[in-house]
Amino acid sequence: MSGLDHEAVLHVVVCIVARVTNRPQPATAMETMLFELDGLDSLRLLETVALAEEHFGVQVDTGGLGQIETVGDIVRLVASGRRG
């Protein structure tokens, strides 16, 4: 377990989502549902997770990808990733 700070991961994930969707994502919080994020589709979600993995130097359990519904789910998945 990497022990990453959730607030730090949240900030990076929000920035990555804005970058991959090419749209700002105002007022994005842990409980924000993914369907509320403008321009985020399944491919961009995978790209977001991959870029967050790269940024933090972790590998996430890909079995959890199908159960992601909120921004917080992405944050927890990345924060619990294994250092790689």
C-alpha atoms as a PDB file:
ATOM      1  CA  MET A   1       0.000   0.000   0.000  1.00  0.00           C
ATOM      2  CA  SER A   2       1.390   3.371  -0.962  1.00  0.00           C
ATOM      3  CA  GLY A   3      -0.239   5.500   1.747  1.00  0.00           C
ATOM      4  CA  LEU A   4      -0.810   8.501  -0.512  1.00  0.00           C
ATOM      5  CA  ASP A   5      -2.699  11.487   0.898  1.00  0.00           C
ATOM      6  CA  HIS A   6      -6.229  11.544  -0.505  1.00  0.00           C
ATOM      7  CA  GLU A   7      -6.295  15.338  -0.837  1.00  0.00           C
ATOM      8  CA  ALA A   8      -3.092  15.318  -2.892  1.00  0.00           C
ATOM      9  CA  VAL A   9      -4.418  12.538  -5.113  1.00  0.00           C
ATOM     10  CA  LEU A  10      -7.754  14.354  -5.521  1.00  0.00           C
ATOM     11  CA  HIS A  11      -6.016  17.512  -6.694  1.00  0.00           C
ATOM     12  CA  VAL A  12      -3.969  15.604  -9.274  1.00  0.00           C
ATOM     13  CA  VAL A  13      -6.954  13.542 -10.476  1.00  0.00           C
ATOM     14  CA  VAL A  14      -9.057  16.689 -11.000  1.00  0.00           C
ATOM     15  CA  CYS A  15      -6.202  18.259 -12.993  1.00  0.00           C
ATOM     16  CA  ILE A  16      -5.812  15.102 -15.081  1.00  0.00           C
ATOM     17  CA  VAL A  17      -9.555  14.907 -15.794  1.00  0.00           C
ATOM     18  CA  ALA A  18      -9.516  18.530 -16.950  1.00  0.00           C
ATOM     19  CA  ARG A  19      -6.547  17.743 -19.189  1.00  0.00           C
ATOM     20  CA  VAL A  20      -7.918  14.541 -20.769  1.00  0.00           C
ATOM     21  CA  THR A  21     -11.383  16.034 -21.333  1.00  0.00           C
ATOM     22  CA  ASN A  22      -9.969  19.405 -22.389  1.00  0.00           C
ATOM     23  CA  ARG A  23     -12.588  20.981 -20.110  1.00  0.00           C
ATOM     24  CA  PRO A  24     -12.321  22.552 -16.662  1.00  0.00           C
ATOM     25  CA  GLN A  25     -14.078  20.546 -13.961  1.00  0.00           C
ATOM     26  CA  PRO A  26     -15.257  23.075 -11.365  1.00  0.00           C
ATOM     27  CA  ALA A  27     -16.370  22.039  -7.882  1.00  0.00           C
ATOM     28  CA  THR A  28     -15.106  18.485  -8.194  1.00  0.00           C
ATOM     29  CA  ALA A  29     -15.037  16.644  -4.867  1.00  0.00           C
ATOM     30  CA  MET A  30     -14.638  13.074  -3.623  1.00  0.00           C
ATOM     31  CA  GLU A  31     -18.388  12.457  -3.871  1.00  0.00           C
ATOM     32  CA  THR A  32     -18.713  13.839  -7.424  1.00  0.00           C
ATOM     33  CA  MET A  33     -20.239  11.186  -9.663  1.00  0.00           C
ATOM     34  CA  LEU A  34     -18.262  10.415 -12.804  1.00  0.00           C
ATOM     35  CA  PHE A  35     -21.303  11.005 -15.021  1.00  0.00           C
ATOM     36  CA  GLU A  36     -21.289  14.609 -13.746  1.00  0.00           C
ATOM     37  CA  LEU A  37     -17.831  15.248 -15.224  1.00  0.00           C
ATOM     38  CA  ASP A  38     -18.129  16.969 -18.578  1.00  0.00           C
ATOM     39  CA  GLY A  39     -16.506  14.950 -21.362  1.00  0.00           C
ATOM     40  CA  LEU A  40     -15.377  11.976 -19.262  1.00  0.00           C
ATOM     41  CA  ASP A  41     -16.090   8.698 -21.018  1.00  0.00           C
ATOM     42  CA  SER A  42     -14.755   5.197 -20.329  1.00  0.00           C
ATOM     43  CA  LEU A  43     -11.638   5.672 -22.462  1.00  0.00           C
ATOM     44  CA  ARG A  44     -10.793   8.983 -20.785  1.00  0.00           C
ATOM     45  CA  LEU A  45     -11.419   7.373 -17.394  1.00  0.00           C
ATOM     46  CA  LEU A  46      -8.807   4.712 -18.175  1.00  0.00           C
ATOM     47  CA  GLU A  47      -6.439   7.424 -19.370  1.00  0.00           C
ATOM     48  CA  THR A  48      -7.038   9.356 -16.136  1.00  0.00           C
ATOM     49  CA  VAL A  49      -6.206   6.330 -13.996  1.00  0.00           C
ATOM     50  CA  ALA A  50      -3.105   5.536 -16.084  1.00  0.00           C
ATOM     51  CA  LEU A  51      -1.817   9.112 -15.846  1.00  0.00           C
ATOM     52  CA  ALA A  52      -2.462   9.175 -12.081  1.00  0.00           C
ATOM     53  CA  GLU A  53      -0.557   5.893 -11.741  1.00  0.00           C
ATOM     54  CA  GLU A  54       2.330   7.383 -13.673  1.00  0.00           C
ATOM     55  CA  HIS A  55       2.281  10.635 -11.682  1.00  0.00           C
ATOM     56  CA  PHE A  56       2.389   8.878  -8.299  1.00  0.00           C
ATOM     57  CA  GLY A  57       4.545   5.931  -9.373  1.00  0.00           C
ATOM     58  CA  VAL A  58       1.992   3.302  -8.386  1.00  0.00           C
ATOM     59  CA  GLN A  59       0.151   0.419  -9.985  1.00  0.00           C
ATOM     60  CA  VAL A  60      -3.540  -0.011  -9.217  1.00  0.00           C
ATOM     61  CA  ASP A  61      -5.553  -3.187  -8.989  1.00  0.00           C
ATOM     62  CA  THR A  62      -7.308  -3.236 -12.361  1.00  0.00           C
ATOM     63  CA  GLY A  63     -10.043  -5.444 -10.908  1.00  0.00           C
ATOM     64  CA  GLY A  64     -11.447  -2.353  -9.206  1.00  0.00           C
ATOM     65  CA  LEU A  65     -11.844  -0.328 -12.395  1.00  0.00           C
ATOM     66  CA  GLY A  66     -15.329  -1.639 -13.158  1.00  0.00           C
ATOM     67  CA  GLN A  67     -16.666  -0.442  -9.829  1.00  0.00           C
ATOM     68  CA  ILE A  68     -15.585   3.196 -10.099  1.00  0.00           C
ATOM     69  CA  GLU A  69     -18.569   5.532  -9.785  1.00  0.00           C
ATOM     70  CA  THR A  70     -17.173   8.648  -8.096  1.00  0.00           C
ATOM     71  CA  VAL A  71     -14.041  10.764  -8.151  1.00  0.00           C
ATOM     72  CA  GLY A  72     -13.388   9.440  -4.647  1.00  0.00           C
ATOM     73  CA  ASP A  73     -13.331   5.901  -6.034  1.00  0.00           C
ATOM     74  CA  ILE A  74     -10.516   6.934  -8.392  1.00  0.00           C
ATOM     75  CA  VAL A  75      -8.676   8.652  -5.532  1.00  0.00           C
ATOM     76  CA  ARG A  76      -8.951   5.603  -3.247  1.00  0.00           C
ATOM     77  CA  LEU A  77      -7.887   3.254  -6.056  1.00  0.00           C
ATOM     78  CA  VAL A  78      -4.786   5.329  -6.802  1.00  0.00           C
ATOM     79  CA  ALA A  79      -3.980   5.990  -3.127  1.00  0.00           C
ATOM     80  CA  SER A  80      -4.049   2.264  -2.403  1.00  0.00           C
ATOM     81  CA  GLY A  81      -1.867   1.407  -5.405  1.00  0.00           C
ATOM     82  CA  ARG A  82       1.371  -0.509  -5.060  1.00  0.00           C
ATOM     83  CA  ARG A  83       4.615   1.358  -5.550  1.00  0.00           C
ATOM     84  CA  GLY A  84       6.023   0.158  -8.830  1.00  0.00           C
END
